[in-house]
Protein backbone atom coordinates (compact mmCIF):
# COMPACT_ATOMS: atom_id res chain seq x y z
CA MET A 1 -30.52 156.51 -44.17
CA LEU A 2 -28.05 154.59 -42.19
CA ARG A 3 -28.66 153.47 -38.64
CA ALA A 4 -26.45 152.36 -35.97
CA GLY A 5 -25.24 149.01 -36.46
CA HIS A 6 -25.14 149.13 -39.93
CA THR A 7 -22.18 150.04 -42.16
CA GLY A 8 -22.51 153.78 -41.36
CA VAL A 9 -20.09 156.58 -42.07
CA ALA A 10 -17.95 155.80 -39.41
CA ARG A 11 -17.47 151.95 -40.27
CA TRP A 12 -16.89 152.98 -43.83
CA GLY A 13 -14.04 155.27 -42.92
CA GLU A 14 -12.41 152.35 -40.71
CA ARG A 15 -12.97 150.03 -43.77
CA TRP A 16 -11.17 152.60 -46.32
CA GLN A 17 -8.27 153.04 -43.93
CA HIS A 18 -7.92 149.47 -43.87
CA ALA A 19 -8.03 149.02 -47.49
CA VAL A 20 -5.48 151.81 -48.05
CA GLU A 21 -3.00 150.11 -45.55
CA THR A 22 -3.53 146.92 -47.05
CA ALA A 23 -2.66 148.36 -50.48
CA LYS A 24 0.37 150.18 -48.99
CA GLN A 25 -0.75 153.49 -49.99
CA PRO A 26 -0.02 156.88 -48.18
CA LYS A 27 -1.89 157.61 -44.93
CA GLY A 28 -4.83 160.22 -45.84
CA THR A 29 -5.23 158.54 -49.21
CA ARG A 30 -8.95 159.21 -49.79
CA PHE A 31 -11.83 157.35 -51.32
CA HIS A 32 -11.99 160.61 -54.00
CA GLU A 33 -8.53 159.66 -55.34
CA GLY A 34 -9.81 156.01 -55.90
CA ARG A 35 -12.37 157.40 -58.14
CA HIS A 36 -9.74 159.29 -60.20
CA TYR A 37 -7.62 156.40 -60.36
CA TYR A 38 -10.71 154.41 -61.57
CA ALA A 39 -11.39 156.80 -64.36
CA SER A 40 -7.96 156.94 -65.44
CA VAL A 41 -7.70 153.34 -65.71
CA LEU A 42 -10.71 153.37 -68.03
CA ILE A 43 -9.20 156.22 -70.10
CA ASP A 44 -6.13 154.30 -70.55
CA ALA A 45 -8.00 151.33 -71.59
CA GLY A 46 -9.87 153.19 -74.39
CA GLU A 47 -13.20 153.26 -73.11
CA SER A 48 -15.56 156.21 -74.20
CA ALA A 49 -16.32 159.27 -72.47
CA LEU A 50 -19.82 158.60 -72.14
CA VAL A 51 -19.43 155.18 -70.55
CA ILE A 52 -17.04 157.07 -67.81
CA LYS A 53 -19.87 159.38 -67.30
CA GLU A 54 -22.16 156.64 -66.50
CA ARG A 55 -20.01 154.74 -64.49
CA LEU A 56 -18.98 157.95 -62.41
CA GLY A 57 -22.17 159.45 -62.16
CA HIS A 58 -21.48 162.72 -63.57
CA ALA A 59 -24.61 164.66 -64.53
CA SER A 60 -23.21 165.63 -67.72
CA ILE A 61 -20.46 164.63 -70.57
CA ARG A 62 -18.81 168.24 -69.93
CA GLU A 63 -18.21 167.52 -66.09
CA THR A 64 -16.52 164.25 -67.42
CA PHE A 65 -14.59 166.51 -69.79
CA ASP A 66 -14.06 169.28 -67.68
CA THR A 67 -12.52 166.71 -65.00
CA TYR A 68 -10.58 164.12 -66.99
CA GLY A 69 -10.39 165.98 -70.51
CA HIS A 70 -6.61 166.31 -70.35
CA LEU A 71 -6.29 162.30 -69.87
CA PHE A 72 -8.02 161.39 -73.06
CA PRO A 73 -5.66 160.75 -75.94
CA THR A 74 -5.30 163.44 -78.70
CA SER A 75 -5.87 163.15 -82.13
CA ASP A 76 -2.02 163.93 -82.48
CA ASP A 77 -1.60 160.82 -80.20
CA ARG A 78 -3.76 158.44 -82.50
CA THR A 79 -2.20 159.51 -85.79
CA ARG A 80 1.29 159.42 -84.24
CA GLU A 81 0.16 155.53 -83.16
CA ALA A 82 -1.34 154.76 -86.33
CA THR A 83 1.87 155.87 -88.42
CA ASP A 84 3.92 154.11 -86.18
CA ARG A 85 1.96 150.82 -86.81
CA ALA A 86 1.66 151.28 -90.63
CA LEU A 87 5.80 151.86 -90.58
CA ALA A 88 6.50 148.97 -88.47
CA CYS A 89 4.41 146.73 -90.84
CA LEU A 90 6.15 148.11 -93.73
CA ALA A 91 9.68 147.60 -92.25
CA ALA A 92 8.50 144.01 -91.57
CA SER A 93 7.07 143.27 -95.12
CA SER A 94 10.57 144.40 -96.35
CA ARG A 95 12.59 141.67 -94.25
CA PRO A 96 13.78 138.00 -96.09
CA GLY A 97 11.26 135.69 -95.18
CA PHE A 98 8.50 137.96 -94.38
CA SER A 99 5.07 136.40 -94.20
CA ALA A 100 2.07 138.34 -94.13
CA SER A 101 0.06 135.97 -91.89
CA ALA A 102 2.83 136.72 -89.16
CA LEU A 103 1.13 140.35 -88.71
């Protein structure tokens, strides 16, 4: 339990508002929005759902997927990207002066 004189809820609120102002975020930006941002950054970086679950302290993987599932790349996204990469390599290999070591 926090006691007076420690970084209590009131102090935390002041520090959070200072951080929001320093980052030039809209007034009223809540800490919870920072959690969502953190999760979306991890997902975009390709981190696993299990790691994100642990970092956010979710009780179950279902909670993580219910909240953030729409942000994870789909199989459609991954297969499209894999095909794009393969075709880019094929196109590059047909150019004059192609070197496999350049890939």
